[in-house]
Amino acid sequence: MNRQIKLSNGRVIGDGHPVYIIAEIGINHNGELEIAKQLIDEAVRAGCDAVKFQKRTPELCVPRDQWDKERDTPWGRMTYIEYKKRIEFEEAEYAAIDAYCKEKGIDWFASCWDQPSVDFIEKFNPVLYKMASASLTDIELLRKVQSTGKPIVISTGMSTAEEIEETINALGINNLLIAHSTSAYPCKPEELNLRMIQTLRAGYPECPVGYSGHETGLATTETTIALGSNFIERHFTLDRAMWGTDHAASVEPEGFRRMVRNIREIEIALGDGVKRLYESELESRRRLRGN
């Protein structure tokens, strides 16, 4: 089976190609373009292939009974709907992000939580779309994204095996990537269930399969390479102590650099499974075996 998807910029995600590493900025920019640029810089420095954002239309995504609830924020006390609008980037910010990522040579895309957000992000011609686990059963939204013709990554957290199968049957496997995930923040090791990566690979042999992790450590994410991950996504922040909902379950720049370095070393170390006698072994062989 050809478990590969070629992006519009020529990059390929799938078997036989380097793991595609995504730093999810999400909303960790806290509504500040300069923070977003700093995160892009750090993702490039770490050696990531892409950064990912989240795009919402607050009036559609925030339940009406939550709109007027007040909360304390770095910008003062405001209603929840005001806060959600405050942290959303609009066209000027995304145009700047698009230009900055092109300048830095890194891909960017977004998780769209509603249909108008798909139309909005499509104006920037992203290389793919990554859908949140919460959207796995929103077939109308997924079909809206599918209508763009771009590859779609579906994330499988908070879902049953039956729901995953129903969604894949509805969408088909063309241009589809599947991310194993557990939607707990942070996720306990005993709930990571990393062997699901192998289960998904066996069940959908034509789809690249990857991992979207929310655990606190790095070793478990790195382990997924040996299980067959074609892509990896982790939340990314400048500082886990920053104000905001996702920072505590994110990886800081130093950790991300270490993770990317380890992933690349693991890829090399895995080899191809063909037994060889290496030249570096010959002297030991001669000395210990005499031939």
C-alpha atoms as a PDB file:
ATOM      1  CA  MET A   1       0.000   0.000   0.000  1.00  0.00           C
ATOM      2  CA  ASN A   2       1.145   3.564  -0.707  1.00  0.00           C
ATOM      3  CA  ARG A   3       0.837   5.212   2.711  1.00  0.00           C
ATOM      4  CA  GLN A   4       1.901   8.649   1.510  1.00  0.00           C
ATOM      5  CA  ILE A   5       0.332  12.052   0.903  1.00  0.00           C
ATOM      6  CA  LYS A   6       2.105  14.729  -1.086  1.00  0.00           C
ATOM      7  CA  LEU A   7       1.466  18.317  -0.030  1.00  0.00           C
ATOM      8  CA  SER A   8       1.118  21.177  -2.497  1.00  0.00           C
ATOM      9  CA  ASN A   9       4.622  22.397  -1.654  1.00  0.00           C
ATOM     10  CA  GLY A  10       6.193  19.056  -2.535  1.00  0.00           C
ATOM     11  CA  ARG A  11       6.657  17.697   0.987  1.00  0.00           C
ATOM     12  CA  VAL A  12       5.517  14.110   1.503  1.00  0.00           C
ATOM     13  CA  ILE A  13       4.015  12.707   4.709  1.00  0.00           C
ATOM     14  CA  GLY A  14       4.076   8.939   4.990  1.00  0.00           C
ATOM     15  CA  ASP A  15       6.139   5.783   5.033  1.00  0.00           C
ATOM     16  CA  GLY A  16       9.649   6.153   3.672  1.00  0.00           C
ATOM     17  CA  HIS A  17       9.817   9.858   4.501  1.00  0.00           C
ATOM     18  CA  PRO A  18      10.993  11.759   7.588  1.00  0.00           C
ATOM     19  CA  VAL A  19       8.422  12.193  10.324  1.00  0.00           C
ATOM     20  CA  TYR A  20       6.519  15.457   9.777  1.00  0.00           C
ATOM     21  CA  ILE A  21       6.816  17.397  13.044  1.00  0.00           C
ATOM     22  CA  ILE A  22       4.146  19.943  13.956  1.00  0.00           C
ATOM     23  CA  ALA A  23       4.449  22.530  16.726  1.00  0.00           C
ATOM     24  CA  GLU A  24       0.911  23.415  17.717  1.00  0.00           C
ATOM     25  CA  ILE A  25       0.847  27.059  18.677  1.00  0.00           C
ATOM     26  CA  GLY A  26      -2.940  26.885  18.871  1.00  0.00           C
ATOM     27  CA  ILE A  27      -4.036  29.843  20.980  1.00  0.00           C
ATOM     28  CA  ASN A  28      -0.777  29.994  22.946  1.00  0.00           C
ATOM     29  CA  HIS A  29      -0.014  33.288  21.195  1.00  0.00           C
ATOM     30  CA  ASN A  30      -2.555  34.816  23.628  1.00  0.00           C
ATOM     31  CA  GLY A  31      -3.821  37.068  20.850  1.00  0.00           C
ATOM     32  CA  GLU A  32      -0.425  38.724  20.366  1.00  0.00           C
ATOM     33  CA  LEU A  33       1.186  38.625  16.915  1.00  0.00           C
ATOM     34  CA  GLU A  34       4.674  39.168  18.309  1.00  0.00           C
ATOM     35  CA  ILE A  35       4.316  36.109  20.551  1.00  0.00           C
ATOM     36  CA  ALA A  36       3.183  34.124  17.514  1.00  0.00           C
ATOM     37  CA  LYS A  37       6.290  35.226  15.618  1.00  0.00           C
ATOM     38  CA  GLN A  38       8.523  34.271  18.530  1.00  0.00           C
ATOM     39  CA  LEU A  39       6.913  30.822  18.583  1.00  0.00           C
ATOM     40  CA  ILE A  40       7.433  30.474  14.828  1.00  0.00           C
ATOM     41  CA  ASP A  41      11.094  31.425  15.280  1.00  0.00           C
ATOM     42  CA  GLU A  42      11.531  28.816  18.011  1.00  0.00           C
ATOM     43  CA  ALA A  43       9.775  26.152  15.937  1.00  0.00           C
ATOM     44  CA  VAL A  44      12.145  26.845  13.053  1.00  0.00           C
ATOM     45  CA  ARG A  45      15.122  26.730  15.423  1.00  0.00           C
ATOM     46  CA  ALA A  46      13.912  23.376  16.750  1.00  0.00           C
ATOM     47  CA  GLY A  47      13.716  21.941  13.225  1.00  0.00           C
ATOM     48  CA  CYS A  48       9.927  21.582  13.004  1.00  0.00           C
ATOM     49  CA  ASP A  49       8.228  21.137   9.657  1.00  0.00           C
ATOM     50  CA  ALA A  50       5.104  23.128  10.513  1.00  0.00           C
ATOM     51  CA  VAL A  51       3.317  25.287  13.039  1.00  0.00           C
ATOM     52  CA  LYS A  52      -0.406  25.009  13.616  1.00  0.00           C
ATOM     53  CA  PHE A  53      -2.964  27.520  14.840  1.00  0.00           C
ATOM     54  CA  GLN A  54      -6.645  27.307  15.787  1.00  0.00           C
ATOM     55  CA  LYS A  55      -9.381  29.391  14.214  1.00  0.00           C
ATOM     56  CA  ARG A  56     -12.871  29.913  15.624  1.00  0.00           C
ATOM     57  CA  THR A  57     -15.847  32.162  15.090  1.00  0.00           C
ATOM     58  CA  PRO A  58     -16.581  32.850  18.780  1.00  0.00           C
ATOM     59  CA  GLU A  59     -20.284  33.535  18.250  1.00  0.00           C
ATOM     60  CA  LEU A  60     -20.646  30.027  16.767  1.00  0.00           C
ATOM     61  CA  CYS A  61     -18.272  28.105  19.025  1.00  0.00           C
ATOM     62  CA  VAL A  62     -19.062  29.539  22.461  1.00  0.00           C
ATOM     63  CA  PRO A  63     -22.401  28.341  23.923  1.00  0.00           C
ATOM     64  CA  ARG A  64     -24.789  31.263  24.336  1.00  0.00           C
ATOM     65  CA  ASP A  65     -25.150  30.700  28.076  1.00  0.00           C
ATOM     66  CA  GLN A  66     -21.373  31.238  28.475  1.00  0.00           C
ATOM     67  CA  TRP A  67     -21.163  34.561  26.648  1.00  0.00           C
ATOM     68  CA  ASP A  68     -21.806  36.878  29.568  1.00  0.00           C
ATOM     69  CA  LYS A  69     -19.851  35.038  32.247  1.00  0.00           C
ATOM     70  CA  GLU A  70     -17.016  37.227  33.450  1.00  0.00           C
ATOM     71  CA  ARG A  71     -13.417  36.192  33.958  1.00  0.00           C
ATOM     72  CA  ASP A  72     -10.137  37.845  34.879  1.00  0.00           C
ATOM     73  CA  THR A  73      -7.662  38.118  32.000  1.00  0.00           C
ATOM     74  CA  PRO A  74      -4.333  39.879  31.377  1.00  0.00           C
ATOM     75  CA  TRP A  75      -6.397  42.613  29.713  1.00  0.00           C
ATOM     76  CA  GLY A  76      -8.707  43.101  32.674  1.00  0.00           C
ATOM     77  CA  ARG A  77     -12.030  41.596  33.654  1.00  0.00           C
ATOM     78  CA  MET A  78     -14.237  40.833  30.652  1.00  0.00           C
ATOM     79  CA  THR A  79     -17.015  38.541  29.504  1.00  0.00           C
ATOM     80  CA  TYR A  80     -16.091  35.156  28.103  1.00  0.00           C
ATOM     81  CA  ILE A  81     -17.225  36.067  24.593  1.00  0.00           C
ATOM     82  CA  GLU A  82     -15.112  39.233  24.730  1.00  0.00           C
ATOM     83  CA  TYR A  83     -12.130  37.168  25.849  1.00  0.00           C
ATOM     84  CA  LYS A  84     -12.602  34.628  23.026  1.00  0.00           C
ATOM     85  CA  LYS A  85     -12.748  37.458  20.499  1.00  0.00           C
ATOM     86  CA  ARG A  86      -9.667  39.076  22.053  1.00  0.00           C
ATOM     87  CA  ILE A  87      -7.475  36.017  21.445  1.00  0.00           C
ATOM     88  CA  GLU A  88      -8.652  35.386  17.855  1.00  0.00           C
ATOM     89  CA  PHE A  89      -6.395  36.509  15.035  1.00  0.00           C
ATOM     90  CA  GLU A  90      -8.116  38.133  12.084  1.00  0.00           C
ATOM     91  CA  GLU A  91      -7.064  38.719   8.481  1.00  0.00           C
ATOM     92  CA  ALA A  92      -4.235  41.178   9.134  1.00  0.00           C
ATOM     93  CA  GLU A  93      -2.591  38.890  11.681  1.00  0.00           C
ATOM     94  CA  TYR A  94      -2.920  35.763   9.524  1.00  0.00           C
ATOM     95  CA  ALA A  95      -1.571  37.627   6.498  1.00  0.00           C
ATOM     96  CA  ALA A  96       1.453  38.539   8.620  1.00  0.00           C
ATOM     97  CA  ILE A  97       1.782  34.926   9.828  1.00  0.00           C
ATOM     98  CA  ASP A  98       1.538  33.638   6.260  1.00  0.00           C
ATOM     99  CA  ALA A  99       4.270  35.994   5.074  1.00  0.00           C
ATOM    100  CA  TYR A 100       6.472  35.282   8.101  1.00  0.00           C
ATOM    101  CA  CYS A 101       6.240  31.499   7.716  1.00  0.00           C
ATOM    102  CA  LYS A 102       7.075  31.745   4.016  1.00  0.00           C
ATOM    103  CA  GLU A 103      10.078  33.902   4.881  1.00  0.00           C
ATOM    104  CA  LYS A 104      11.223  31.359   7.487  1.00  0.00           C
ATOM    105  CA  GLY A 105      10.553  28.319   5.281  1.00  0.00           C
ATOM    106  CA  ILE A 106       8.085  26.565   7.581  1.00  0.00           C
ATOM    107  CA  ASP A 107       4.581  25.293   6.786  1.00  0.00           C
ATOM    108  CA  TRP A 108       1.567  26.603   8.684  1.00  0.00           C
ATOM    109  CA  PHE A 109      -2.064  25.623   8.857  1.00  0.00           C
ATOM    110  CA  ALA A 110      -4.946  25.675  11.322  1.00  0.00           C
ATOM    111  CA  SER A 111      -7.665  23.683  13.019  1.00  0.00           C
ATOM    112  CA  CYS A 112     -10.974  25.234  12.004  1.00  0.00           C
ATOM    113  CA  TRP A 113     -13.788  24.811  14.512  1.00  0.00           C
ATOM    114  CA  ASP A 114     -16.635  26.042  12.312  1.00  0.00           C
ATOM    115  CA  GLN A 115     -17.495  26.433   8.634  1.00  0.00           C
ATOM    116  CA  PRO A 116     -16.891  30.216   8.301  1.00  0.00           C
ATOM    117  CA  SER A 117     -13.416  29.630   9.738  1.00  0.00           C
ATOM    118  CA  VAL A 118     -12.700  27.185   6.895  1.00  0.00           C
ATOM    119  CA  ASP A 119     -13.575  29.874   4.353  1.00  0.00           C
ATOM    120  CA  PHE A 120     -11.390  32.311   6.262  1.00  0.00           C
ATOM    121  CA  ILE A 121      -8.285  30.077   6.428  1.00  0.00           C
ATOM    122  CA  GLU A 122      -8.730  28.881   2.842  1.00  0.00           C
ATOM    123  CA  LYS A 123      -7.915  32.420   1.673  1.00  0.00           C
ATOM    124  CA  PHE A 124      -4.316  31.676   2.704  1.00  0.00           C
ATOM    125  CA  ASN A 125      -4.119  28.382   0.784  1.00  0.00           C
ATOM    126  CA  PRO A 126      -2.759  26.188   3.611  1.00  0.00           C
ATOM    127  CA  VAL A 127      -0.991  22.926   2.744  1.00  0.00           C
ATOM    128  CA  LEU A 128      -3.475  20.912   4.823  1.00  0.00           C
ATOM    129  CA  TYR A 129      -6.078  21.113   7.580  1.00  0.00           C
ATOM    130  CA  LYS A 130      -5.810  19.515  11.017  1.00  0.00           C
ATOM    131  CA  MET A 131      -9.145  18.900  12.708  1.00  0.00           C
ATOM    132  CA  ALA A 132      -9.578  18.820  16.471  1.00  0.00           C
ATOM    133  CA  SER A 133     -10.742  15.656  18.213  1.00  0.00           C
ATOM    134  CA  ALA A 134     -13.909  17.518  19.191  1.00  0.00           C
ATOM    135  CA  SER A 135     -14.759  17.783  15.482  1.00  0.00           C
ATOM    136  CA  LEU A 136     -14.402  14.083  14.631  1.00  0.00           C
ATOM    137  CA  THR A 137     -18.157  13.511  14.567  1.00  0.00           C
ATOM    138  CA  ASP A 138     -19.009  16.848  12.902  1.00  0.00           C
ATOM    139  CA  ILE A 139     -19.376  15.370   9.428  1.00  0.00           C
ATOM    140  CA  GLU A 140     -20.739  18.581   7.921  1.00  0.00           C
ATOM    141  CA  LEU A 141     -17.662  20.508   9.042  1.00  0.00           C
ATOM    142  CA  LEU A 142     -15.319  17.754   7.874  1.00  0.00           C
ATOM    143  CA  ARG A 143     -16.991  17.675   4.462  1.00  0.00           C
ATOM    144  CA  LYS A 144     -16.657  21.448   4.253  1.00  0.00           C
ATOM    145  CA  VAL A 145     -12.922  21.068   4.796  1.00  0.00           C
ATOM    146  CA  GLN A 146     -12.810  18.155   2.348  1.00  0.00           C
ATOM    147  CA  SER A 147     -14.390  20.389  -0.311  1.00  0.00           C
ATOM    148  CA  THR A 148     -11.210  22.517  -0.319  1.00  0.00           C
ATOM    149  CA  GLY A 149      -9.315  19.592  -1.861  1.00  0.00           C
ATOM    150  CA  LYS A 150      -6.607  19.832   0.804  1.00  0.00           C
ATOM    151  CA  PRO A 151      -5.390  16.865   2.858  1.00  0.00           C
ATOM    152  CA  ILE A 152      -7.183  16.504   6.202  1.00  0.00           C
ATOM    153  CA  VAL A 153      -5.741  15.244   9.475  1.00  0.00           C
ATOM    154  CA  ILE A 154      -8.456  13.897  11.747  1.00  0.00           C
ATOM    155  CA  SER A 155      -7.650  13.537  15.439  1.00  0.00           C
ATOM    156  CA  THR A 156      -9.239  10.647  17.323  1.00  0.00           C
ATOM    157  CA  GLY A 157      -9.248  11.734  20.966  1.00  0.00           C
ATOM    158  CA  MET A 158     -12.466  11.446  23.012  1.00  0.00           C
ATOM    159  CA  SER A 159     -13.816   9.019  20.376  1.00  0.00           C
ATOM    160  CA  THR A 160     -14.820   5.374  20.172  1.00  0.00           C
ATOM    161  CA  ALA A 161     -13.498   2.958  17.551  1.00  0.00           C
ATOM    162  CA  GLU A 162     -16.986   2.955  16.024  1.00  0.00           C
ATOM    163  CA  GLU A 163     -17.033   6.750  15.711  1.00  0.00           C
ATOM    164  CA  ILE A 164     -13.619   6.716  14.033  1.00  0.00           C
ATOM    165  CA  GLU A 165     -14.781   4.089  11.563  1.00  0.00           C
ATOM    166  CA  GLU A 166     -18.020   5.938  10.819  1.00  0.00           C
ATOM    167  CA  THR A 167     -16.166   9.173  10.110  1.00  0.00           C
ATOM    168  CA  ILE A 168     -13.606   7.505   7.849  1.00  0.00           C
ATOM    169  CA  ASN A 169     -16.366   5.682   5.996  1.00  0.00           C
ATOM    170  CA  ALA A 170     -18.163   9.000   5.502  1.00  0.00           C
ATOM    171  CA  LEU A 171     -15.066  10.850   4.271  1.00  0.00           C
ATOM    172  CA  GLY A 172     -13.246   8.103   2.402  1.00  0.00           C
ATOM    173  CA  ILE A 173      -9.495   7.579   2.626  1.00  0.00           C
ATOM    174  CA  ASN A 174      -8.372   9.920  -0.150  1.00  0.00           C
ATOM    175  CA  ASN A 175      -6.162  12.716   1.215  1.00  0.00           C
ATOM    176  CA  LEU A 176      -6.837  11.523   4.777  1.00  0.00           C
ATOM    177  CA  LEU A 177      -4.351  11.370   7.646  1.00  0.00           C
ATOM    178  CA  ILE A 178      -5.262   9.920  11.048  1.00  0.00           C
ATOM    179  CA  ALA A 179      -3.830  11.070  14.384  1.00  0.00           C
ATOM    180  CA  HIS A 180      -4.042   8.900  17.474  1.00  0.00           C
ATOM    181  CA  SER A 181      -4.757  11.057  20.514  1.00  0.00           C
ATOM    182  CA  THR A 182      -6.152  10.990  24.037  1.00  0.00           C
ATOM    183  CA  SER A 183      -7.989  14.187  24.966  1.00  0.00           C
ATOM    184  CA  ALA A 184      -6.739  14.644  28.521  1.00  0.00           C
ATOM    185  CA  TYR A 185      -4.624  17.669  29.444  1.00  0.00           C
ATOM    186  CA  PRO A 186      -2.088  16.592  30.563  1.00  0.00           C
ATOM    187  CA  CYS A 187      -2.568  12.928  29.746  1.00  0.00           C
ATOM    188  CA  LYS A 188      -1.457  10.211  32.176  1.00  0.00           C
ATOM    189  CA  PRO A 189       0.957   7.616  30.729  1.00  0.00           C
ATOM    190  CA  GLU A 190      -1.490   4.773  31.376  1.00  0.00           C
ATOM    191  CA  GLU A 191      -4.043   6.500  29.137  1.00  0.00           C
ATOM    192  CA  LEU A 192      -1.746   7.233  26.185  1.00  0.00           C
ATOM    193  CA  ASN A 193      -2.375   3.787  24.628  1.00  0.00           C
ATOM    194  CA  LEU A 194       0.348   4.285  22.041  1.00  0.00           C
ATOM    195  CA  ARG A 195      -0.196   0.880  20.433  1.00  0.00           C
ATOM    196  CA  MET A 196      -3.336   2.396  18.897  1.00  0.00           C
ATOM    197  CA  ILE A 197      -0.934   3.789  16.298  1.00  0.00           C
ATOM    198  CA  GLN A 198      -0.278   0.227  15.145  1.00  0.00           C
ATOM    199  CA  THR A 199      -4.003  -0.538  15.272  1.00  0.00           C
ATOM    200  CA  LEU A 200      -4.787   2.441  13.043  1.00  0.00           C
ATOM    201  CA  ARG A 201      -1.969   1.558  10.647  1.00  0.00           C
ATOM    202  CA  ALA A 202      -3.319  -1.987  10.312  1.00  0.00           C
ATOM    203  CA  GLY A 203      -6.918  -0.832   9.918  1.00  0.00           C
ATOM    204  CA  TYR A 204      -6.219   1.933   7.393  1.00  0.00           C
ATOM    205  CA  PRO A 205      -3.123   0.877   5.425  1.00  0.00           C
ATOM    206  CA  GLU A 206      -3.478   3.642   2.833  1.00  0.00           C
ATOM    207  CA  CYS A 207      -3.583   6.528   5.341  1.00  0.00           C
ATOM    208  CA  PRO A 208      -0.560   8.123   7.009  1.00  0.00           C
ATOM    209  CA  VAL A 209      -0.970   7.686  10.757  1.00  0.00           C
ATOM    210  CA  GLY A 210       0.512   9.924  13.427  1.00  0.00           C
ATOM    211  CA  TYR A 211       0.290  11.094  16.994  1.00  0.00           C
ATOM    212  CA  SER A 212      -1.076  14.190  18.687  1.00  0.00           C
ATOM    213  CA  GLY A 213       0.196  14.153  22.256  1.00  0.00           C
ATOM    214  CA  HIS A 214      -0.834  16.021  25.385  1.00  0.00           C
ATOM    215  CA  GLU A 215       1.413  14.375  27.958  1.00  0.00           C
ATOM    216  CA  THR A 216       4.021  16.235  29.993  1.00  0.00           C
ATOM    217  CA  GLY A 217       7.087  14.206  28.970  1.00  0.00           C
ATOM    218  CA  LEU A 218       8.904  13.722  25.676  1.00  0.00           C
ATOM    219  CA  ALA A 219      10.005  10.078  25.754  1.00  0.00           C
ATOM    220  CA  THR A 220       6.515   8.728  25.107  1.00  0.00           C
ATOM    221  CA  THR A 221       6.110  10.936  22.043  1.00  0.00           C
ATOM    222  CA  GLU A 222       9.516   9.868  20.749  1.00  0.00           C
ATOM    223  CA  THR A 223       8.523   6.221  21.246  1.00  0.00           C
ATOM    224  CA  THR A 224       5.764   6.586  18.650  1.00  0.00           C
ATOM    225  CA  ILE A 225       8.418   6.715  15.914  1.00  0.00           C
ATOM    226  CA  ALA A 226       9.184   3.042  16.497  1.00  0.00           C
ATOM    227  CA  LEU A 227       5.440   2.299  16.356  1.00  0.00           C
ATOM    228  CA  GLY A 228       5.122   3.822  12.897  1.00  0.00           C
ATOM    229  CA  SER A 229       4.122   7.460  13.373  1.00  0.00           C
ATOM    230  CA  ASN A 230       4.328   9.379  10.099  1.00  0.00           C
ATOM    231  CA  PHE A 231       3.731  12.723  11.811  1.00  0.00           C
ATOM    232  CA  ILE A 232       3.805  14.110  15.336  1.00  0.00           C
ATOM    233  CA  GLU A 233       2.074  17.104  16.888  1.00  0.00           C
ATOM    234  CA  ARG A 234       2.708  18.611  20.309  1.00  0.00           C
ATOM    235  CA  HIS A 235       1.452  21.846  21.842  1.00  0.00           C
ATOM    236  CA  PHE A 236       4.154  24.512  21.906  1.00  0.00           C
ATOM    237  CA  THR A 237       4.707  27.479  24.243  1.00  0.00           C
ATOM    238  CA  LEU A 238       7.401  29.957  25.168  1.00  0.00           C
ATOM    239  CA  ASP A 239       6.773  29.333  28.865  1.00  0.00           C
ATOM    240  CA  ARG A 240       4.477  26.783  30.509  1.00  0.00           C
ATOM    241  CA  ALA A 241       3.765  29.315  33.269  1.00  0.00           C
ATOM    242  CA  MET A 242       2.218  31.830  30.863  1.00  0.00           C
ATOM    243  CA  TRP A 243      -1.422  32.785  31.329  1.00  0.00           C
ATOM    244  CA  GLY A 244      -3.828  30.709  29.247  1.00  0.00           C
ATOM    245  CA  THR A 245      -5.563  27.348  29.090  1.00  0.00           C
ATOM    246  CA  ASP A 246      -3.111  25.329  26.965  1.00  0.00           C
ATOM    247  CA  HIS A 247       0.318  26.453  28.189  1.00  0.00           C
ATOM    248  CA  ALA A 248       0.624  23.953  31.055  1.00  0.00           C
ATOM    249  CA  ALA A 249       0.221  20.959  28.711  1.00  0.00           C
ATOM    250  CA  SER A 250       2.661  22.366  26.148  1.00  0.00           C
ATOM    251  CA  VAL A 251       6.368  21.870  25.438  1.00  0.00           C
ATOM    252  CA  GLU A 252       8.807  24.754  25.838  1.00  0.00           C
ATOM    253  CA  PRO A 253      11.436  25.579  23.163  1.00  0.00           C
ATOM    254  CA  GLU A 254      14.350  23.729  24.765  1.00  0.00           C
ATOM    255  CA  GLY A 255      12.231  20.613  25.169  1.00  0.00           C
ATOM    256  CA  PHE A 256      10.976  20.850  21.595  1.00  0.00           C
ATOM    257  CA  ARG A 257      14.531  21.123  20.265  1.00  0.00           C
ATOM    258  CA  ARG A 258      15.504  18.040  22.250  1.00  0.00           C
ATOM    259  CA  MET A 259      12.444  16.128  21.068  1.00  0.00           C
ATOM    260  CA  VAL A 260      13.066  16.912  17.391  1.00  0.00           C
ATOM    261  CA  ARG A 261      16.738  15.971  17.730  1.00  0.00           C
ATOM    262  CA  ASN A 262      15.830  12.658  19.370  1.00  0.00           C
ATOM    263  CA  ILE A 263      13.194  11.883  16.738  1.00  0.00           C
ATOM    264  CA  ARG A 264      15.707  12.385  13.936  1.00  0.00           C
ATOM    265  CA  GLU A 265      18.246  10.159  15.712  1.00  0.00           C
ATOM    266  CA  ILE A 266      15.624   7.450  16.243  1.00  0.00           C
ATOM    267  CA  GLU A 267      14.670   7.575  12.558  1.00  0.00           C
ATOM    268  CA  ILE A 268      18.279   6.952  11.589  1.00  0.00           C
ATOM    269  CA  ALA A 269      18.789   4.276  14.246  1.00  0.00           C
ATOM    270  CA  LEU A 270      15.727   2.253  13.195  1.00  0.00           C
ATOM    271  CA  GLY A 271      17.335   1.427   9.858  1.00  0.00           C
ATOM    272  CA  ASP A 272      15.578  -0.810   7.338  1.00  0.00           C
ATOM    273  CA  GLY A 273      15.528  -4.182   9.105  1.00  0.00           C
ATOM    274  CA  VAL A 274      18.018  -5.799   6.722  1.00  0.00           C
ATOM    275  CA  LYS A 275      20.869  -7.497   8.595  1.00  0.00           C
ATOM    276  CA  ARG A 276      24.307  -6.219   7.610  1.00  0.00           C
ATOM    277  CA  LEU A 277      27.883  -6.757   8.672  1.00  0.00           C
ATOM    278  CA  TYR A 278      29.214  -3.238   9.118  1.00  0.00           C
ATOM    279  CA  GLU A 279      32.775  -2.235   8.422  1.00  0.00           C
ATOM    280  CA  SER A 280      33.009  -0.909  11.984  1.00  0.00           C
ATOM    281  CA  GLU A 281      32.504  -4.487  13.211  1.00  0.00           C
ATOM    282  CA  LEU A 282      35.233  -6.106  11.140  1.00  0.00           C
ATOM    283  CA  GLU A 283      38.137  -5.466  13.497  1.00  0.00           C
ATOM    284  CA  SER A 284      36.174  -6.900  16.458  1.00  0.00           C
ATOM    285  CA  ARG A 285      35.160  -9.856  14.314  1.00  0.00           C
ATOM    286  CA  ARG A 286      38.771 -10.525  13.299  1.00  0.00           C
ATOM    287  CA  ARG A 287      40.054 -10.169  16.843  1.00  0.00           C
ATOM    288  CA  LEU A 288      37.307 -12.201  18.555  1.00  0.00           C
ATOM    289  CA  ARG A 289      36.484 -14.760  15.868  1.00  0.00           C
ATOM    290  CA  GLY A 290      39.707 -14.886  13.906  1.00  0.00           C
ATOM    291  CA  ASN A 291      38.055 -14.286  10.556  1.00  0.00           C
END
